[in-house]
Every structure is written in structure tokens, then in C-alpha cells.
Amino acid sequence: MTDEHLTKDQFFERLGAIGDEMIAAYGKDFAMGALVLAARFIAEKKPDGDNAQSVIYTGDKHGGLRL
């Protein structure tokens, strides 16, 4: 691992900051729902190759969650 890679703690700090921003903007229920949907998307993702990016798209295309 090089200095260019983020540590696990740094990722948790970023997730916490994103969570705080979502709570401030839309409330606790929205923040929890968004993070759960993101976790579900990651768990169910079937990448199209080693370099596939995880992107949640809310429209009818690009693998929307169809909820």
C-alpha cells in the first residue's frame, strides 16, 4: 500500500461527513435510506470488468435499482 491510498479510517471519516451532510440537508431517515441503498447496490453489483465504477443512477437506464 502506498501513501496515495486512503486508509480505512479515512474512508470512514468521509462516510461520516457525507452522512452528516445528508442529515443536515434532508434528515436522518433520508441519510439512513441512502446509505442502505448504496450498500445494497454494492452487494448486488455485477461488474462488467475489473475497472467498472459503482454508480447509482436514478433513471430507467444504467442499472437503476427499480424500487
C-alpha atoms as a PDB file:
ATOM      1  CA  MET A   1       0.000   0.000   0.000  1.00  0.00           C
ATOM      2  CA  THR A   2       1.322   3.431  -0.871  1.00  0.00           C
ATOM      3  CA  ASP A   3       0.769   6.846   0.668  1.00  0.00           C
ATOM      4  CA  GLU A   4      -1.595   7.606  -2.226  1.00  0.00           C
ATOM      5  CA  HIS A   5      -4.182   5.120  -0.956  1.00  0.00           C
ATOM      6  CA  LEU A   6      -6.679   6.186   1.677  1.00  0.00           C
ATOM      7  CA  THR A   7      -6.694   4.274   4.933  1.00  0.00           C
ATOM      8  CA  LYS A   8      -9.856   2.551   6.126  1.00  0.00           C
ATOM      9  CA  ASP A   9     -10.182   5.185   8.852  1.00  0.00           C
ATOM     10  CA  GLN A  10     -10.083   7.933   6.220  1.00  0.00           C
ATOM     11  CA  PHE A  11     -12.900   6.234   4.295  1.00  0.00           C
ATOM     12  CA  PHE A  12     -14.988   6.028   7.495  1.00  0.00           C
ATOM     13  CA  GLU A  13     -14.336   9.724   8.138  1.00  0.00           C
ATOM     14  CA  ARG A  14     -15.540  10.537   4.614  1.00  0.00           C
ATOM     15  CA  LEU A  15     -18.654   8.367   5.051  1.00  0.00           C
ATOM     16  CA  GLY A  16     -19.383  10.105   8.348  1.00  0.00           C
ATOM     17  CA  ALA A  17     -19.042  13.527   6.747  1.00  0.00           C
ATOM     18  CA  ILE A  18     -21.359  12.533   3.890  1.00  0.00           C
ATOM     19  CA  GLY A  19     -23.846  11.165   6.422  1.00  0.00           C
ATOM     20  CA  ASP A  20     -23.718  14.405   8.409  1.00  0.00           C
ATOM     21  CA  GLU A  21     -24.329  16.430   5.231  1.00  0.00           C
ATOM     22  CA  MET A  22     -27.317  14.277   4.235  1.00  0.00           C
ATOM     23  CA  ILE A  23     -28.810  14.536   7.745  1.00  0.00           C
ATOM     24  CA  ALA A  24     -28.412  18.316   7.744  1.00  0.00           C
ATOM     25  CA  ALA A  25     -29.997  18.636   4.292  1.00  0.00           C
ATOM     26  CA  TYR A  26     -32.765  16.000   4.366  1.00  0.00           C
ATOM     27  CA  GLY A  27     -32.957  14.371   7.787  1.00  0.00           C
ATOM     28  CA  LYS A  28     -31.893  11.143   9.448  1.00  0.00           C
ATOM     29  CA  ASP A  29     -34.347   8.868   7.603  1.00  0.00           C
ATOM     30  CA  PHE A  30     -33.084  10.017   4.207  1.00  0.00           C
ATOM     31  CA  ALA A  31     -29.446   9.560   5.215  1.00  0.00           C
ATOM     32  CA  MET A  32     -30.024   6.031   6.513  1.00  0.00           C
ATOM     33  CA  GLY A  33     -32.073   5.084   3.454  1.00  0.00           C
ATOM     34  CA  ALA A  34     -29.472   6.424   1.053  1.00  0.00           C
ATOM     35  CA  LEU A  35     -26.652   4.552   2.782  1.00  0.00           C
ATOM     36  CA  VAL A  36     -28.665   1.319   2.873  1.00  0.00           C
ATOM     37  CA  LEU A  37     -29.440   1.650  -0.848  1.00  0.00           C
ATOM     38  CA  ALA A  38     -25.762   2.272  -1.548  1.00  0.00           C
ATOM     39  CA  ALA A  39     -24.813  -0.847   0.441  1.00  0.00           C
ATOM     40  CA  ARG A  40     -27.432  -2.888  -1.406  1.00  0.00           C
ATOM     41  CA  PHE A  41     -26.140  -1.626  -4.743  1.00  0.00           C
ATOM     42  CA  ILE A  42     -22.571  -2.593  -3.816  1.00  0.00           C
ATOM     43  CA  ALA A  43     -23.679  -6.037  -2.608  1.00  0.00           C
ATOM     44  CA  GLU A  44     -25.699  -6.782  -5.764  1.00  0.00           C
ATOM     45  CA  LYS A  45     -23.354  -5.206  -8.314  1.00  0.00           C
ATOM     46  CA  LYS A  46     -22.115  -7.468 -11.048  1.00  0.00           C
ATOM     47  CA  PRO A  47     -19.233  -5.517 -12.594  1.00  0.00           C
ATOM     48  CA  ASP A  48     -18.620  -5.559 -16.326  1.00  0.00           C
ATOM     49  CA  GLY A  49     -14.900  -5.853 -15.747  1.00  0.00           C
ATOM     50  CA  ASP A  50     -12.169  -5.106 -13.255  1.00  0.00           C
ATOM     51  CA  ASN A  51     -12.365  -1.337 -13.819  1.00  0.00           C
ATOM     52  CA  ALA A  52     -16.162  -0.954 -13.541  1.00  0.00           C
ATOM     53  CA  GLN A  53     -17.226   2.060 -11.485  1.00  0.00           C
ATOM     54  CA  SER A  54     -20.034   1.910  -8.906  1.00  0.00           C
ATOM     55  CA  VAL A  55     -22.605   4.488  -9.923  1.00  0.00           C
ATOM     56  CA  ILE A  56     -26.160   4.710  -8.659  1.00  0.00           C
ATOM     57  CA  TYR A  57     -28.304   6.171 -11.420  1.00  0.00           C
ATOM     58  CA  THR A  58     -31.889   7.035 -10.534  1.00  0.00           C
ATOM     59  CA  GLY A  59     -33.320   6.846 -14.056  1.00  0.00           C
ATOM     60  CA  ASP A  60     -34.577   3.955 -16.174  1.00  0.00           C
ATOM     61  CA  LYS A  61     -31.155   3.235 -17.682  1.00  0.00           C
ATOM     62  CA  HIS A  62     -27.717   2.316 -16.382  1.00  0.00           C
ATOM     63  CA  GLY A  63     -28.860  -0.325 -13.908  1.00  0.00           C
ATOM     64  CA  GLY A  64     -31.281   1.640 -11.756  1.00  0.00           C
ATOM     65  CA  LEU A  65     -32.435  -0.117  -8.598  1.00  0.00           C
ATOM     66  CA  ARG A  66     -36.048  -0.335  -9.879  1.00  0.00           C
ATOM     67  CA  LEU A  67     -37.601   0.344  -6.442  1.00  0.00           C
END
